[in-house]
């Protein structure tokens, strides 16, 4: 293009010179115009070359982008298949776990524990899938206290009778106390329970002591506490969540034979292994 323009312009200039004398001013104007056109042509050529190079680069990027998109689509398809497989495995495992949990307690024991829950619905809950009983701390204890209410003692006495039946005697008990996240502040409470961990253990111990008093052999019972560290619901900014203030009793199939001793010997056995009342517990006072 540049060569063609220059050739045409150059030919026009030559013809003008051949046709006759050209005034110097006219000659200078034509020369200037020629040089201007030449510069414009060079600039256009450079822009054309840059445009071609940019077009080539864009085509390369588009090709790479298409290849990357194809790769992503392949990965997405594979991940979707893997996710589907994992969901299937999870559902299968959940069904197996559920079936095992449901089978953990005999039907007769489930029925008796369900009746116990129905008798004390505000204080006691029962989950057949996990074999867990849960006492509401608000209904079972006073504020910052490990002293059981009369209703809670009555419910625990009935629970002990159920656990000493043919259906229940082959299960051990894990008793775990929990609190909300409100710190222990009352001076009279802090004297016995410095923090929520001690309070949660103290309440679990109180339930254990009552069960032992009601003829559950102490060797069947394990006690612990999580304080505020295992909430079942988010605690509000103020006041704590009532659902987190609880004592859980998990029925666990015994893996080893029960120790010798009649159920009625629970109180003596408790003393023999170092069991104590709430006032005699050797953990630091809260």
C-alpha atoms as a PDB file:
ATOM      1  CA  UNK A   1       0.000   0.000   0.000  1.00  0.00           C
ATOM      2  CA  UNK A   2       2.741   2.431   0.966  1.00  0.00           C
ATOM      3  CA  UNK A   3       4.686   1.629  -2.216  1.00  0.00           C
ATOM      4  CA  UNK A   4       1.623   2.136  -4.392  1.00  0.00           C
ATOM      5  CA  UNK A   5       0.814   5.535  -2.878  1.00  0.00           C
ATOM      6  CA  UNK A   6       4.361   6.705  -3.178  1.00  0.00           C
ATOM      7  CA  UNK A   7       4.562   5.477  -6.770  1.00  0.00           C
ATOM      8  CA  UNK A   8       1.386   7.306  -7.758  1.00  0.00           C
ATOM      9  CA  UNK A   9       2.413  10.488  -6.029  1.00  0.00           C
ATOM     10  CA  UNK A  10       5.915  10.256  -7.428  1.00  0.00           C
ATOM     11  CA  UNK A  11       4.558   9.702 -10.957  1.00  0.00           C
ATOM     12  CA  UNK A  12       2.308  12.747 -10.580  1.00  0.00           C
ATOM     13  CA  UNK A  13       5.265  14.857  -9.524  1.00  0.00           C
ATOM     14  CA  UNK A  14       7.383  13.600 -12.446  1.00  0.00           C
ATOM     15  CA  UNK A  15       4.657  14.338 -14.984  1.00  0.00           C
ATOM     16  CA  UNK A  16       4.297  17.823 -13.638  1.00  0.00           C
ATOM     17  CA  UNK A  17       7.999  18.436 -14.066  1.00  0.00           C
ATOM     18  CA  UNK A  18       8.027  16.955 -17.567  1.00  0.00           C
ATOM     19  CA  UNK A  19       5.028  19.004 -18.634  1.00  0.00           C
ATOM     20  CA  UNK A  20       6.927  22.221 -18.119  1.00  0.00           C
ATOM     21  CA  UNK A  21       8.689  24.357 -15.643  1.00  0.00           C
ATOM     22  CA  UNK A  22       7.158  24.302 -12.225  1.00  0.00           C
ATOM     23  CA  UNK A  23       7.492  27.306  -9.965  1.00  0.00           C
ATOM     24  CA  UNK A  24       9.777  26.701  -6.989  1.00  0.00           C
ATOM     25  CA  UNK A  25       6.920  27.330  -4.553  1.00  0.00           C
ATOM     26  CA  UNK A  26       4.760  24.740  -6.253  1.00  0.00           C
ATOM     27  CA  UNK A  27       7.644  22.297  -6.252  1.00  0.00           C
ATOM     28  CA  UNK A  28       8.241  22.814  -2.547  1.00  0.00           C
ATOM     29  CA  UNK A  29       4.546  22.339  -1.785  1.00  0.00           C
ATOM     30  CA  UNK A  30       4.473  19.108  -3.778  1.00  0.00           C
ATOM     31  CA  UNK A  31       7.613  17.860  -2.055  1.00  0.00           C
ATOM     32  CA  UNK A  32       6.215  18.618   1.377  1.00  0.00           C
ATOM     33  CA  UNK A  33       2.961  16.930   0.506  1.00  0.00           C
ATOM     34  CA  UNK A  34       4.863  13.912  -0.762  1.00  0.00           C
ATOM     35  CA  UNK A  35       6.868  13.619   2.446  1.00  0.00           C
ATOM     36  CA  UNK A  36       3.730  14.050   4.556  1.00  0.00           C
ATOM     37  CA  UNK A  37       1.998  11.264   2.649  1.00  0.00           C
ATOM     38  CA  UNK A  38       5.075   9.130   3.008  1.00  0.00           C
ATOM     39  CA  UNK A  39       5.069   9.578   6.810  1.00  0.00           C
ATOM     40  CA  UNK A  40       1.340   8.855   6.957  1.00  0.00           C
ATOM     41  CA  UNK A  41       1.832   5.731   4.881  1.00  0.00           C
ATOM     42  CA  UNK A  42       4.642   4.537   7.135  1.00  0.00           C
ATOM     43  CA  UNK A  43       2.474   5.156  10.211  1.00  0.00           C
ATOM     44  CA  UNK A  44      -0.486   3.320   8.689  1.00  0.00           C
ATOM     45  CA  UNK A  45       1.753   0.405   7.799  1.00  0.00           C
ATOM     46  CA  UNK A  46       3.066   0.243  11.353  1.00  0.00           C
ATOM     47  CA  UNK A  47      -0.476   0.347  12.721  1.00  0.00           C
ATOM     48  CA  UNK A  48      -1.483  -2.401  10.301  1.00  0.00           C
ATOM     49  CA  UNK A  49       1.454  -4.567  11.381  1.00  0.00           C
ATOM     50  CA  UNK A  50       0.610  -3.967  15.065  1.00  0.00           C
ATOM     51  CA  UNK A  51      -3.029  -4.805  14.417  1.00  0.00           C
ATOM     52  CA  UNK A  52      -2.053  -8.053  12.695  1.00  0.00           C
ATOM     53  CA  UNK A  53       0.235  -8.966  15.587  1.00  0.00           C
ATOM     54  CA  UNK A  54      -2.504  -8.153  18.113  1.00  0.00           C
ATOM     55  CA  UNK A  55      -5.007 -10.200  16.128  1.00  0.00           C
ATOM     56  CA  UNK A  56      -2.617 -13.153  16.141  1.00  0.00           C
ATOM     57  CA  UNK A  57      -2.132 -12.809  19.902  1.00  0.00           C
ATOM     58  CA  UNK A  58      -5.894 -12.648  20.476  1.00  0.00           C
ATOM     59  CA  UNK A  59      -6.425 -15.763  18.369  1.00  0.00           C
ATOM     60  CA  UNK A  60      -3.790 -17.568  20.433  1.00  0.00           C
ATOM     61  CA  UNK A  61      -5.441 -16.440  23.678  1.00  0.00           C
ATOM     62  CA  UNK A  62      -8.853 -17.495  22.393  1.00  0.00           C
ATOM     63  CA  UNK A  63      -7.492 -20.919  21.494  1.00  0.00           C
ATOM     64  CA  UNK A  64      -5.913 -21.261  24.940  1.00  0.00           C
ATOM     65  CA  UNK A  65      -9.128 -20.080  26.607  1.00  0.00           C
ATOM     66  CA  UNK A  66     -11.181 -22.638  24.677  1.00  0.00           C
ATOM     67  CA  UNK A  67      -8.744 -25.386  25.676  1.00  0.00           C
ATOM     68  CA  UNK A  68      -8.900 -24.272  29.344  1.00  0.00           C
ATOM     69  CA  UNK A  69     -12.698 -24.141  29.217  1.00  0.00           C
ATOM     70  CA  UNK A  70     -12.789 -27.666  27.822  1.00  0.00           C
ATOM     71  CA  UNK A  71     -10.478 -28.737  30.646  1.00  0.00           C
ATOM     72  CA  UNK A  72     -12.718 -27.096  33.241  1.00  0.00           C
ATOM     73  CA  UNK A  73     -15.811 -28.733  31.772  1.00  0.00           C
ATOM     74  CA  UNK A  74     -14.074 -32.101  31.957  1.00  0.00           C
ATOM     75  CA  UNK A  75     -13.031 -31.464  35.564  1.00  0.00           C
ATOM     76  CA  UNK A  76     -16.543 -30.308  36.470  1.00  0.00           C
ATOM     77  CA  UNK A  77     -18.046 -33.445  34.996  1.00  0.00           C
ATOM     78  CA  UNK A  78     -15.576 -35.643  36.871  1.00  0.00           C
ATOM     79  CA  UNK A  79     -16.141 -33.733  40.120  1.00  0.00           C
ATOM     80  CA  UNK A  80     -19.898 -34.015  39.722  1.00  0.00           C
ATOM     81  CA  UNK A  81     -19.532 -37.770  39.299  1.00  0.00           C
ATOM     82  CA  UNK A  82     -17.250 -37.945  42.346  1.00  0.00           C
ATOM     83  CA  UNK A  83     -19.669 -35.831  44.393  1.00  0.00           C
ATOM     84  CA  UNK A  84     -22.561 -38.046  43.358  1.00  0.00           C
ATOM     85  CA  UNK A  85     -20.564 -41.120  44.347  1.00  0.00           C
ATOM     86  CA  UNK A  86     -19.638 -39.570  47.703  1.00  0.00           C
ATOM     87  CA  UNK A  87     -23.273 -38.638  48.374  1.00  0.00           C
ATOM     88  CA  UNK A  88     -24.282 -42.201  47.642  1.00  0.00           C
ATOM     89  CA  UNK A  89     -21.584 -43.526  49.982  1.00  0.00           C
ATOM     90  CA  UNK A  90     -22.654 -41.052  52.684  1.00  0.00           C
ATOM     91  CA  UNK A  91     -26.303 -42.044  52.430  1.00  0.00           C
ATOM     92  CA  UNK A  92     -25.363 -45.703  52.549  1.00  0.00           C
ATOM     93  CA  UNK A  93     -23.150 -45.149  55.589  1.00  0.00           C
ATOM     94  CA  UNK A  94     -25.839 -43.046  57.292  1.00  0.00           C
ATOM     95  CA  UNK A  95     -28.361 -45.818  56.771  1.00  0.00           C
ATOM     96  CA  UNK A  96     -25.942 -48.373  58.208  1.00  0.00           C
ATOM     97  CA  UNK A  97     -25.184 -46.168  61.231  1.00  0.00           C
ATOM     98  CA  UNK A  98     -28.877 -45.493  61.767  1.00  0.00           C
ATOM     99  CA  UNK A  99     -29.695 -49.168  61.597  1.00  0.00           C
ATOM    100  CA  UNK A 100     -26.934 -49.937  64.089  1.00  0.00           C
ATOM    101  CA  UNK A 101     -28.111 -47.192  66.426  1.00  0.00           C
ATOM    102  CA  UNK A 102     -31.724 -48.265  66.249  1.00  0.00           C
ATOM    103  CA  UNK A 103     -30.653 -51.815  66.985  1.00  0.00           C
ATOM    104  CA  UNK A 104     -28.546 -50.654  69.972  1.00  0.00           C
ATOM    105  CA  UNK A 105     -31.460 -50.862  72.394  1.00  0.00           C
ATOM    106  CA  UNK A 106     -33.972 -53.717  72.569  1.00  0.00           C
ATOM    107  CA  UNK A 107     -37.519 -52.758  71.562  1.00  0.00           C
ATOM    108  CA  UNK A 108     -38.817 -53.445  75.068  1.00  0.00           C
ATOM    109  CA  UNK A 109     -36.211 -51.109  76.570  1.00  0.00           C
ATOM    110  CA  UNK A 110     -36.994 -48.445  73.985  1.00  0.00           C
ATOM    111  CA  UNK A 111     -40.676 -48.674  74.879  1.00  0.00           C
ATOM    112  CA  UNK A 112     -40.029 -48.302  78.616  1.00  0.00           C
ATOM    113  CA  UNK A 113     -37.705 -45.336  78.135  1.00  0.00           C
ATOM    114  CA  UNK A 114     -40.208 -43.706  75.808  1.00  0.00           C
ATOM    115  CA  UNK A 115     -42.900 -44.103  78.470  1.00  0.00           C
ATOM    116  CA  UNK A 116     -40.532 -42.507  80.997  1.00  0.00           C
ATOM    117  CA  UNK A 117     -40.026 -39.548  78.668  1.00  0.00           C
ATOM    118  CA  UNK A 118     -43.792 -39.244  78.150  1.00  0.00           C
ATOM    119  CA  UNK A 119     -44.226 -39.056  81.921  1.00  0.00           C
ATOM    120  CA  UNK A 120     -41.708 -36.179  82.243  1.00  0.00           C
ATOM    121  CA  UNK A 121     -41.776 -34.422  78.846  1.00  0.00           C
ATOM    122  CA  UNK A 122     -40.612 -31.032  80.173  1.00  0.00           C
ATOM    123  CA  UNK A 123     -37.643 -32.457  82.047  1.00  0.00           C
ATOM    124  CA  UNK A 124     -36.557 -35.530  80.104  1.00  0.00           C
ATOM    125  CA  UNK A 125     -36.010 -36.353  76.428  1.00  0.00           C
ATOM    126  CA  UNK A 126     -35.120 -39.676  74.825  1.00  0.00           C
ATOM    127  CA  UNK A 127     -33.574 -40.361  71.414  1.00  0.00           C
ATOM    128  CA  UNK A 128     -34.088 -43.938  70.234  1.00  0.00           C
ATOM    129  CA  UNK A 129     -31.624 -43.484  67.354  1.00  0.00           C
ATOM    130  CA  UNK A 130     -28.712 -42.808  69.725  1.00  0.00           C
ATOM    131  CA  UNK A 131     -29.931 -44.487  72.903  1.00  0.00           C
ATOM    132  CA  UNK A 132     -29.504 -41.231  74.817  1.00  0.00           C
ATOM    133  CA  UNK A 133     -31.553 -39.718  77.608  1.00  0.00           C
ATOM    134  CA  UNK A 134     -31.230 -36.012  78.349  1.00  0.00           C
ATOM    135  CA  UNK A 135     -32.223 -34.253  81.531  1.00  0.00           C
ATOM    136  CA  UNK A 136     -32.910 -30.525  81.331  1.00  0.00           C
ATOM    137  CA  UNK A 137     -30.703 -28.860  83.950  1.00  0.00           C
ATOM    138  CA  UNK A 138     -33.220 -26.059  84.437  1.00  0.00           C
ATOM    139  CA  UNK A 139     -35.908 -28.587  85.399  1.00  0.00           C
ATOM    140  CA  UNK A 140     -33.586 -30.911  87.338  1.00  0.00           C
ATOM    141  CA  UNK A 141     -31.399 -28.516  89.341  1.00  0.00           C
ATOM    142  CA  UNK A 142     -31.578 -25.138  91.016  1.00  0.00           C
ATOM    143  CA  UNK A 143     -29.618 -22.192  89.643  1.00  0.00           C
ATOM    144  CA  UNK A 144     -25.885 -22.918  89.950  1.00  0.00           C
ATOM    145  CA  UNK A 145     -26.670 -26.017  92.028  1.00  0.00           C
ATOM    146  CA  UNK A 146     -26.085 -29.765  91.858  1.00  0.00           C
ATOM    147  CA  UNK A 147     -29.017 -30.589  94.113  1.00  0.00           C
ATOM    148  CA  UNK A 148     -31.630 -32.592  92.227  1.00  0.00           C
ATOM    149  CA  UNK A 149     -35.258 -31.541  92.339  1.00  0.00           C
ATOM    150  CA  UNK A 150     -37.740 -33.953  93.852  1.00  0.00           C
ATOM    151  CA  UNK A 151     -39.227 -34.611  90.413  1.00  0.00           C
ATOM    152  CA  UNK A 152     -35.776 -35.391  88.997  1.00  0.00           C
ATOM    153  CA  UNK A 153     -35.069 -37.839  91.848  1.00  0.00           C
ATOM    154  CA  UNK A 154     -38.373 -39.586  91.154  1.00  0.00           C
ATOM    155  CA  UNK A 155     -37.614 -39.831  87.445  1.00  0.00           C
ATOM    156  CA  UNK A 156     -34.118 -41.195  88.128  1.00  0.00           C
ATOM    157  CA  UNK A 157     -35.534 -43.793  90.513  1.00  0.00           C
ATOM    158  CA  UNK A 158     -37.843 -45.014  87.745  1.00  0.00           C
ATOM    159  CA  UNK A 159     -34.933 -44.983  85.294  1.00  0.00           C
ATOM    160  CA  UNK A 160     -32.888 -47.145  87.663  1.00  0.00           C
ATOM    161  CA  UNK A 161     -35.696 -49.673  87.833  1.00  0.00           C
ATOM    162  CA  UNK A 162     -35.809 -49.814  84.015  1.00  0.00           C
ATOM    163  CA  UNK A 163     -32.035 -50.193  83.753  1.00  0.00           C
ATOM    164  CA  UNK A 164     -32.082 -53.114  86.180  1.00  0.00           C
ATOM    165  CA  UNK A 165     -34.651 -55.054  84.153  1.00  0.00           C
ATOM    166  CA  UNK A 166     -33.696 -57.956  81.914  1.00  0.00           C
ATOM    167  CA  UNK A 167     -33.693 -55.639  78.889  1.00  0.00           C
ATOM    168  CA  UNK A 168     -31.592 -52.903  80.521  1.00  0.00           C
ATOM    169  CA  UNK A 169     -29.092 -54.600  82.787  1.00  0.00           C
ATOM    170  CA  UNK A 170     -26.568 -55.301  80.005  1.00  0.00           C
ATOM    171  CA  UNK A 171     -26.051 -51.594  79.309  1.00  0.00           C
ATOM    172  CA  UNK A 172     -23.544 -49.304  80.964  1.00  0.00           C
ATOM    173  CA  UNK A 173     -24.098 -45.578  81.386  1.00  0.00           C
ATOM    174  CA  UNK A 174     -22.035 -42.591  80.253  1.00  0.00           C
ATOM    175  CA  UNK A 175     -23.262 -39.508  82.128  1.00  0.00           C
ATOM    176  CA  UNK A 176     -22.043 -36.172  80.728  1.00  0.00           C
ATOM    177  CA  UNK A 177     -22.903 -32.750  82.105  1.00  0.00           C
ATOM    178  CA  UNK A 178     -23.148 -29.564  79.992  1.00  0.00           C
ATOM    179  CA  UNK A 179     -23.755 -25.873  80.695  1.00  0.00           C
ATOM    180  CA  UNK A 180     -24.355 -22.707  78.695  1.00  0.00           C
ATOM    181  CA  UNK A 181     -21.616 -20.087  78.271  1.00  0.00           C
ATOM    182  CA  UNK A 182     -22.648 -17.804  81.129  1.00  0.00           C
ATOM    183  CA  UNK A 183     -19.745 -17.730  83.637  1.00  0.00           C
ATOM    184  CA  UNK A 184     -20.235 -18.727  87.232  1.00  0.00           C
ATOM    185  CA  UNK A 185     -20.545 -15.432  89.098  1.00  0.00           C
ATOM    186  CA  UNK A 186     -22.572 -15.930  92.272  1.00  0.00           C
ATOM    187  CA  UNK A 187     -20.159 -16.048  95.244  1.00  0.00           C
ATOM    188  CA  UNK A 188     -21.997 -18.907  96.939  1.00  0.00           C
ATOM    189  CA  UNK A 189     -21.768 -20.935  93.710  1.00  0.00           C
ATOM    190  CA  UNK A 190     -18.120 -20.109  92.994  1.00  0.00           C
ATOM    191  CA  UNK A 191     -17.172 -21.460  96.413  1.00  0.00           C
ATOM    192  CA  UNK A 192     -18.065 -24.945  95.211  1.00  0.00           C
ATOM    193  CA  UNK A 193     -17.761 -24.643  91.419  1.00  0.00           C
ATOM    194  CA  UNK A 194     -15.110 -22.215  90.120  1.00  0.00           C
ATOM    195  CA  UNK A 195     -16.266 -22.536  86.523  1.00  0.00           C
ATOM    196  CA  UNK A 196     -18.785 -24.212  84.208  1.00  0.00           C
ATOM    197  CA  UNK A 197     -16.601 -27.299  83.748  1.00  0.00           C
ATOM    198  CA  UNK A 198     -16.781 -28.070  87.454  1.00  0.00           C
ATOM    199  CA  UNK A 199     -20.514 -27.367  87.523  1.00  0.00           C
ATOM    200  CA  UNK A 200     -21.160 -29.724  84.587  1.00  0.00           C
ATOM    201  CA  UNK A 201     -19.165 -32.529  86.244  1.00  0.00           C
ATOM    202  CA  UNK A 202     -20.874 -31.864  89.566  1.00  0.00           C
ATOM    203  CA  UNK A 203     -24.318 -32.273  88.038  1.00  0.00           C
ATOM    204  CA  UNK A 204     -23.284 -35.473  86.264  1.00  0.00           C
ATOM    205  CA  UNK A 205     -21.943 -36.762  89.588  1.00  0.00           C
ATOM    206  CA  UNK A 206     -25.240 -35.882  91.268  1.00  0.00           C
ATOM    207  CA  UNK A 207     -27.160 -37.959  88.721  1.00  0.00           C
ATOM    208  CA  UNK A 208     -24.707 -40.832  89.155  1.00  0.00           C
ATOM    209  CA  UNK A 209     -25.033 -40.697  92.950  1.00  0.00           C
ATOM    210  CA  UNK A 210     -28.816 -40.807  92.709  1.00  0.00           C
ATOM    211  CA  UNK A 211     -28.707 -43.766  90.320  1.00  0.00           C
ATOM    212  CA  UNK A 212     -26.357 -45.625  92.650  1.00  0.00           C
ATOM    213  CA  UNK A 213     -28.655 -44.823  95.563  1.00  0.00           C
ATOM    214  CA  UNK A 214     -31.429 -46.351  93.476  1.00  0.00           C
ATOM    215  CA  UNK A 215     -29.528 -49.656  93.089  1.00  0.00           C
ATOM    216  CA  UNK A 216     -27.485 -49.131  89.907  1.00  0.00           C
ATOM    217  CA  UNK A 217     -24.091 -50.755  90.466  1.00  0.00           C
ATOM    218  CA  UNK A 218     -21.395 -48.032  90.348  1.00  0.00           C
ATOM    219  CA  UNK A 219     -19.236 -50.089  87.988  1.00  0.00           C
ATOM    220  CA  UNK A 220     -21.809 -49.477  85.249  1.00  0.00           C
ATOM    221  CA  UNK A 221     -21.486 -45.695  85.391  1.00  0.00           C
ATOM    222  CA  UNK A 222     -18.906 -43.352  83.877  1.00  0.00           C
ATOM    223  CA  UNK A 223     -19.072 -39.607  84.546  1.00  0.00           C
ATOM    224  CA  UNK A 224     -17.719 -36.561  82.736  1.00  0.00           C
ATOM    225  CA  UNK A 225     -18.439 -32.940  81.890  1.00  0.00           C
ATOM    226  CA  UNK A 226     -17.910 -30.596  78.964  1.00  0.00           C
ATOM    227  CA  UNK A 227     -18.898 -27.329  80.598  1.00  0.00           C
ATOM    228  CA  UNK A 228     -19.899 -24.831  77.897  1.00  0.00           C
ATOM    229  CA  UNK A 229     -17.726 -26.450  75.203  1.00  0.00           C
ATOM    230  CA  UNK A 230     -20.314 -28.756  73.555  1.00  0.00           C
ATOM    231  CA  UNK A 231     -23.411 -26.589  72.931  1.00  0.00           C
ATOM    232  CA  UNK A 232     -26.313 -28.034  70.952  1.00  0.00           C
ATOM    233  CA  UNK A 233     -27.530 -24.526  70.071  1.00  0.00           C
ATOM    234  CA  UNK A 234     -25.786 -21.186  69.676  1.00  0.00           C
ATOM    235  CA  UNK A 235     -25.807 -19.233  72.923  1.00  0.00           C
ATOM    236  CA  UNK A 236     -27.325 -15.736  72.693  1.00  0.00           C
ATOM    237  CA  UNK A 237     -25.350 -12.632  73.608  1.00  0.00           C
ATOM    238  CA  UNK A 238     -26.990 -12.560  77.007  1.00  0.00           C
ATOM    239  CA  UNK A 239     -28.529 -15.163  79.273  1.00  0.00           C
ATOM    240  CA  UNK A 240     -27.270 -18.390  77.687  1.00  0.00           C
ATOM    241  CA  UNK A 241     -29.262 -21.039  75.820  1.00  0.00           C
ATOM    242  CA  UNK A 242     -31.448 -23.270  77.992  1.00  0.00           C
ATOM    243  CA  UNK A 243     -31.021 -26.265  75.673  1.00  0.00           C
ATOM    244  CA  UNK A 244     -27.275 -26.260  76.434  1.00  0.00           C
ATOM    245  CA  UNK A 245     -27.883 -26.686  80.167  1.00  0.00           C
ATOM    246  CA  UNK A 246     -28.361 -30.439  80.273  1.00  0.00           C
ATOM    247  CA  UNK A 247     -27.165 -33.810  81.564  1.00  0.00           C
ATOM    248  CA  UNK A 248     -26.890 -36.589  78.980  1.00  0.00           C
ATOM    249  CA  UNK A 249     -27.115 -40.292  79.798  1.00  0.00           C
ATOM    250  CA  UNK A 250     -25.907 -42.543  77.000  1.00  0.00           C
ATOM    251  CA  UNK A 251     -26.779 -46.237  77.193  1.00  0.00           C
ATOM    252  CA  UNK A 252     -23.779 -48.223  75.982  1.00  0.00           C
ATOM    253  CA  UNK A 253     -23.856 -52.005  75.394  1.00  0.00           C
ATOM    254  CA  UNK A 254     -21.448 -53.642  77.826  1.00  0.00           C
ATOM    255  CA  UNK A 255     -18.490 -55.237  76.061  1.00  0.00           C
ATOM    256  CA  UNK A 256     -17.274 -57.175  79.119  1.00  0.00           C
ATOM    257  CA  UNK A 257     -19.213 -59.219  81.694  1.00  0.00           C
ATOM    258  CA  UNK A 258     -20.711 -57.241  84.533  1.00  0.00           C
ATOM    259  CA  UNK A 259     -18.901 -57.365  87.858  1.00  0.00           C
ATOM    260  CA  UNK A 260     -20.395 -59.588  90.482  1.00  0.00           C
ATOM    261  CA  UNK A 261     -22.867 -58.006  92.837  1.00  0.00           C
ATOM    262  CA  UNK A 262     -26.582 -57.803  93.214  1.00  0.00           C
ATOM    263  CA  UNK A 263     -28.319 -54.668  92.006  1.00  0.00           C
ATOM    264  CA  UNK A 264     -29.471 -53.967  95.516  1.00  0.00           C
ATOM    265  CA  UNK A 265     -25.878 -53.664  96.680  1.00  0.00           C
ATOM    266  CA  UNK A 266     -25.404 -50.435  94.757  1.00  0.00           C
ATOM    267  CA  UNK A 267     -24.960 -48.152  97.797  1.00  0.00           C
ATOM    268  CA  UNK A 268     -22.308 -50.344  99.421  1.00  0.00           C
ATOM    269  CA  UNK A 269     -20.497 -50.803  96.113  1.00  0.00           C
ATOM    270  CA  UNK A 270     -20.480 -47.072  95.589  1.00  0.00           C
ATOM    271  CA  UNK A 271     -18.770 -46.557  98.916  1.00  0.00           C
ATOM    272  CA  UNK A 272     -16.309 -49.338  98.160  1.00  0.00           C
ATOM    273  CA  UNK A 273     -15.078 -47.698  94.965  1.00  0.00           C
ATOM    274  CA  UNK A 274     -14.867 -44.253  96.475  1.00  0.00           C
ATOM    275  CA  UNK A 275     -18.269 -42.882  95.464  1.00  0.00           C
ATOM    276  CA  UNK A 276     -19.346 -39.814  97.392  1.00  0.00           C
ATOM    277  CA  UNK A 277     -22.218 -37.459  97.920  1.00  0.00           C
ATOM    278  CA  UNK A 278     -22.253 -34.008  96.334  1.00  0.00           C
ATOM    279  CA  UNK A 279     -20.796 -32.448  99.490  1.00  0.00           C
ATOM    280  CA  UNK A 280     -17.937 -34.985  99.536  1.00  0.00           C
ATOM    281  CA  UNK A 281     -16.818 -34.769  95.908  1.00  0.00           C
ATOM    282  CA  UNK A 282     -13.091 -34.168  95.675  1.00  0.00           C
ATOM    283  CA  UNK A 283     -13.044 -31.923  92.590  1.00  0.00           C
ATOM    284  CA  UNK A 284     -12.362 -28.224  93.340  1.00  0.00           C
ATOM    285  CA  UNK A 285     -15.420 -26.381  94.690  1.00  0.00           C
ATOM    286  CA  UNK A 286     -17.153 -24.050  92.164  1.00  0.00           C
END
